[in-house]
C-alpha atoms as a PDB file:
ATOM      1  CA  GLN A   1      53.191   0.951   0.011  1.00  0.00           C
ATOM      2  CA  VAL A   2      52.225  -2.517   1.160  1.00  0.00           C
ATOM      3  CA  GLN A   3      54.823  -4.716   2.342  1.00  0.00           C
ATOM      4  CA  LEU A   4      54.599  -8.329   3.039  1.00  0.00           C
ATOM      5  CA  LEU A   5      56.583 -10.248   5.401  1.00  0.00           C
ATOM      6  CA  GLU A   6      56.945 -14.042   5.726  1.00  0.00           C
ATOM      7  CA  SER A   7      57.775 -16.273   8.426  1.00  0.00           C
ATOM      8  CA  GLY A   8      57.828 -19.923   9.632  1.00  0.00           C
ATOM      9  CA  GLY A   9      59.558 -21.668   6.817  1.00  0.00           C
ATOM     10  CA  GLY A  10      62.124 -24.209   7.842  1.00  0.00           C
ATOM     11  CA  LEU A  11      63.275 -27.811   7.642  1.00  0.00           C
ATOM     12  CA  VAL A  12      60.864 -30.800   8.616  1.00  0.00           C
ATOM     13  CA  GLN A  13      60.590 -34.629   7.939  1.00  0.00           C
ATOM     14  CA  ALA A  14      57.877 -35.950   5.623  1.00  0.00           C
ATOM     15  CA  GLY A  15      54.767 -36.329   7.717  1.00  0.00           C
ATOM     16  CA  GLY A  16      55.428 -33.247   9.736  1.00  0.00           C
ATOM     17  CA  SER A  17      53.796 -29.735  10.031  1.00  0.00           C
ATOM     18  CA  LEU A  18      54.558 -26.214   9.798  1.00  0.00           C
ATOM     19  CA  ARG A  19      52.783 -22.930   9.914  1.00  0.00           C
ATOM     20  CA  LEU A  20      53.686 -20.196   7.836  1.00  0.00           C
ATOM     21  CA  SER A  21      52.748 -16.420   8.629  1.00  0.00           C
ATOM     22  CA  CYS A  22      52.438 -13.322   6.351  1.00  0.00           C
ATOM     23  CA  ALA A  23      52.319  -9.957   8.111  1.00  0.00           C
ATOM     24  CA  ALA A  24      51.202  -7.210   5.821  1.00  0.00           C
ATOM     25  CA  SER A  25      52.027  -3.745   6.777  1.00  0.00           C
ATOM     26  CA  GLY A  26      51.766  -0.123   4.927  1.00  0.00           C
ATOM     27  CA  ARG A  27      47.501  -0.070   4.861  1.00  0.00           C
ATOM     28  CA  THR A  28      44.557  -1.632   6.687  1.00  0.00           C
ATOM     29  CA  PHE A  29      42.728  -3.800   4.353  1.00  0.00           C
ATOM     30  CA  SER A  30      39.049  -4.450   4.282  1.00  0.00           C
ATOM     31  CA  THR A  31      38.880  -6.045   0.579  1.00  0.00           C
ATOM     32  CA  GLY A  32      40.799  -8.040  -1.729  1.00  0.00           C
ATOM     33  CA  ALA A  33      42.494 -11.234  -1.320  1.00  0.00           C
ATOM     34  CA  MET A  34      45.525 -12.891  -0.150  1.00  0.00           C
ATOM     35  CA  GLY A  35      47.495 -15.923  -1.581  1.00  0.00           C
ATOM     36  CA  TRP A  36      50.242 -18.160  -1.145  1.00  0.00           C
ATOM     37  CA  PHE A  37      52.365 -19.604  -4.034  1.00  0.00           C
ATOM     38  CA  ARG A  38      55.589 -21.686  -4.089  1.00  0.00           C
ATOM     39  CA  GLN A  39      58.463 -22.219  -6.628  1.00  0.00           C
ATOM     40  CA  ALA A  40      60.703 -25.350  -6.517  1.00  0.00           C
ATOM     41  CA  PRO A  41      64.067 -25.033  -8.174  1.00  0.00           C
ATOM     42  CA  GLY A  42      63.901 -25.072 -11.976  1.00  0.00           C
ATOM     43  CA  LYS A  43      60.068 -24.788 -12.105  1.00  0.00           C
ATOM     44  CA  GLU A  44      57.672 -22.084 -12.321  1.00  0.00           C
ATOM     45  CA  ARG A  45      55.814 -20.448  -9.560  1.00  0.00           C
ATOM     46  CA  GLU A  46      52.430 -22.064  -8.637  1.00  0.00           C
ATOM     47  CA  PHE A  47      49.193 -21.420  -6.817  1.00  0.00           C
ATOM     48  CA  VAL A  48      49.025 -23.118  -3.428  1.00  0.00           C
ATOM     49  CA  ALA A  49      45.964 -21.238  -1.650  1.00  0.00           C
ATOM     50  CA  ALA A  50      44.099 -17.819  -1.354  1.00  0.00           C
ATOM     51  CA  ILE A  51      41.546 -16.331   0.996  1.00  0.00           C
ATOM     52  CA  ARG A  52      39.117 -13.743   0.322  1.00  0.00           C
ATOM     53  CA  TRP A  53      39.894 -10.540   2.663  1.00  0.00           C
ATOM     54  CA  SER A  54      36.273  -9.910   3.255  1.00  0.00           C
ATOM     55  CA  GLY A  55      33.985 -13.040   3.691  1.00  0.00           C
ATOM     56  CA  GLY A  56      37.129 -15.449   3.911  1.00  0.00           C
ATOM     57  CA  SER A  57      36.202 -17.910   0.808  1.00  0.00           C
ATOM     58  CA  THR A  58      39.232 -20.094   0.447  1.00  0.00           C
ATOM     59  CA  TYR A  59      40.763 -21.639  -2.472  1.00  0.00           C
ATOM     60  CA  TYR A  60      43.336 -24.371  -3.020  1.00  0.00           C
ATOM     61  CA  ALA A  61      45.227 -26.169  -5.393  1.00  0.00           C
ATOM     62  CA  ASP A  62      44.172 -29.811  -5.968  1.00  0.00           C
ATOM     63  CA  SER A  63      47.734 -30.888  -4.794  1.00  0.00           C
ATOM     64  CA  VAL A  64      47.311 -29.598  -1.346  1.00  0.00           C
ATOM     65  CA  LYS A  65      43.859 -30.032  -0.570  1.00  0.00           C
ATOM     66  CA  GLY A  66      43.238 -31.928   2.824  1.00  0.00           C
ATOM     67  CA  ARG A  67      46.810 -30.860   4.057  1.00  0.00           C
ATOM     68  CA  LEU A  68      47.292 -27.088   3.952  1.00  0.00           C
ATOM     69  CA  THR A  69      44.771 -24.729   5.482  1.00  0.00           C
ATOM     70  CA  ILE A  70      44.759 -20.900   4.845  1.00  0.00           C
ATOM     71  CA  SER A  71      43.371 -18.564   7.119  1.00  0.00           C
ATOM     72  CA  ARG A  72      43.671 -14.949   8.092  1.00  0.00           C
ATOM     73  CA  ASP A  73      43.712 -12.397  11.184  1.00  0.00           C
ATOM     74  CA  ASN A  74      41.791  -9.135   9.804  1.00  0.00           C
ATOM     75  CA  ALA A  75      42.833  -7.363  13.015  1.00  0.00           C
ATOM     76  CA  ASN A  76      46.471  -7.947  12.748  1.00  0.00           C
ATOM     77  CA  ASN A  77      46.458  -8.030   8.686  1.00  0.00           C
ATOM     78  CA  THR A  78      47.812 -11.402   8.896  1.00  0.00           C
ATOM     79  CA  VAL A  79      47.446 -14.621   6.967  1.00  0.00           C
ATOM     80  CA  TYR A  80      48.359 -18.038   7.989  1.00  0.00           C
ATOM     81  CA  LEU A  81      49.244 -21.379   6.032  1.00  0.00           C
ATOM     82  CA  GLN A  82      48.820 -24.327   8.001  1.00  0.00           C
ATOM     83  CA  MET A  83      51.105 -27.350   6.447  1.00  0.00           C
ATOM     84  CA  ASN A  84      50.218 -30.815   7.556  1.00  0.00           C
ATOM     85  CA  SER A  85      51.298 -33.855   6.409  1.00  0.00           C
ATOM     86  CA  LEU A  86      54.094 -32.440   4.772  1.00  0.00           C
ATOM     87  CA  LYS A  87      55.879 -34.364   1.454  1.00  0.00           C
ATOM     88  CA  PRO A  88      59.129 -33.650  -0.208  1.00  0.00           C
ATOM     89  CA  GLU A  89      57.445 -32.691  -3.093  1.00  0.00           C
ATOM     90  CA  ASP A  90      56.096 -29.490  -0.915  1.00  0.00           C
ATOM     91  CA  THR A  91      59.620 -28.330  -0.649  1.00  0.00           C
ATOM     92  CA  ALA A  92      59.847 -24.844  -2.443  1.00  0.00           C
ATOM     93  CA  VAL A  93      60.318 -21.223  -1.360  1.00  0.00           C
ATOM     94  CA  TYR A  94      56.552 -19.920  -0.501  1.00  0.00           C
ATOM     95  CA  TYR A  95      55.425 -16.723  -1.401  1.00  0.00           C
ATOM     96  CA  CYS A  96      52.716 -14.526   0.535  1.00  0.00           C
ATOM     97  CA  ALA A  97      50.729 -12.216  -2.345  1.00  0.00           C
ATOM     98  CA  ARG A  98      48.269  -9.494  -1.961  1.00  0.00           C
ATOM     99  CA  SER A  99      45.542  -8.282  -4.465  1.00  0.00           C
ATOM    100  CA  ASP A 100      43.563  -5.051  -3.700  1.00  0.00           C
ATOM    101  CA  LEU A 101      40.615  -6.615  -5.588  1.00  0.00           C
ATOM    102  CA  TYR A 102      39.012  -9.809  -5.329  1.00  0.00           C
ATOM    103  CA  GLN A 103      38.172 -11.664  -8.413  1.00  0.00           C
ATOM    104  CA  SER A 104      37.486 -15.374  -8.347  1.00  0.00           C
ATOM    105  CA  GLY A 105      38.796 -15.922 -11.893  1.00  0.00           C
ATOM    106  CA  THR A 106      42.512 -14.540 -10.915  1.00  0.00           C
ATOM    107  CA  VAL A 107      43.008 -15.721  -7.356  1.00  0.00           C
ATOM    108  CA  TYR A 108      44.955 -18.987  -8.751  1.00  0.00           C
ATOM    109  CA  LEU A 109      47.153 -16.836 -10.921  1.00  0.00           C
ATOM    110  CA  VAL A 110      50.629 -15.012 -10.302  1.00  0.00           C
ATOM    111  CA  ARG A 111      49.098 -11.857 -12.430  1.00  0.00           C
ATOM    112  CA  GLY A 112      46.294 -11.724 -10.255  1.00  0.00           C
ATOM    113  CA  TYR A 113      48.353 -10.305  -7.256  1.00  0.00           C
ATOM    114  CA  LYS A 114      50.401  -6.744  -6.998  1.00  0.00           C
ATOM    115  CA  TYR A 115      52.215  -7.297  -4.080  1.00  0.00           C
ATOM    116  CA  TRP A 116      54.842  -9.944  -3.270  1.00  0.00           C
ATOM    117  CA  GLY A 117      57.137 -10.925  -0.023  1.00  0.00           C
ATOM    118  CA  GLN A 118      60.588 -11.978  -0.127  1.00  0.00           C
ATOM    119  CA  GLY A 119      59.301 -15.552   0.341  1.00  0.00           C
ATOM    120  CA  THR A 120      60.241 -18.290   2.914  1.00  0.00           C
ATOM    121  CA  GLN A 121      62.197 -21.734   2.131  1.00  0.00           C
ATOM    122  CA  VAL A 122      60.303 -24.975   3.130  1.00  0.00           C
ATOM    123  CA  THR A 123      62.217 -28.236   3.095  1.00  0.00           C
ATOM    124  CA  VAL A 124      60.597 -31.466   3.557  1.00  0.00           C
ATOM    125  CA  SER A 125      63.110 -34.160   3.753  1.00  0.00           C
ATOM    126  CA  SER A 126      62.203 -37.717   3.050  1.00  0.00           C
END
C-alpha cells in the first residue's frame, strides 16, 4: 500500500515562499506521475502541478506558472513544490497525489490519481 506524507505548510506573508514535500512509502516507483492539488474552503479540489516520474515532464495550472515549481527526488521517492511569490489566493490545503500510470490527459484531473496524502495547510496573509 502506498502512503503519502506531506510536510512544509504554514503561514507566510504575501510575496513569501514555502517549500512543500511529499514522501512516498510502500513501494519503489519507476513510472507513473505525482501531482499537487489544493482545496480552499467552499471550493472544489483543483490541480496545481504534476510531474512524470520517468523523464520529469512537468505540468502547471495557469494560475501558478512562473511562481510554483514541482520537482522530484527519485532515489528518495519524494516530490517537492517550491512556492514563490505567494498570494492570498494561494491559501488552501495542499494535497500530494500519486498515479501508477502516466497519461498526459489525466495528470490534471483528481480522478487521474489513486493515492492521496492527508494534506498540509498553506495560509498566505495579505
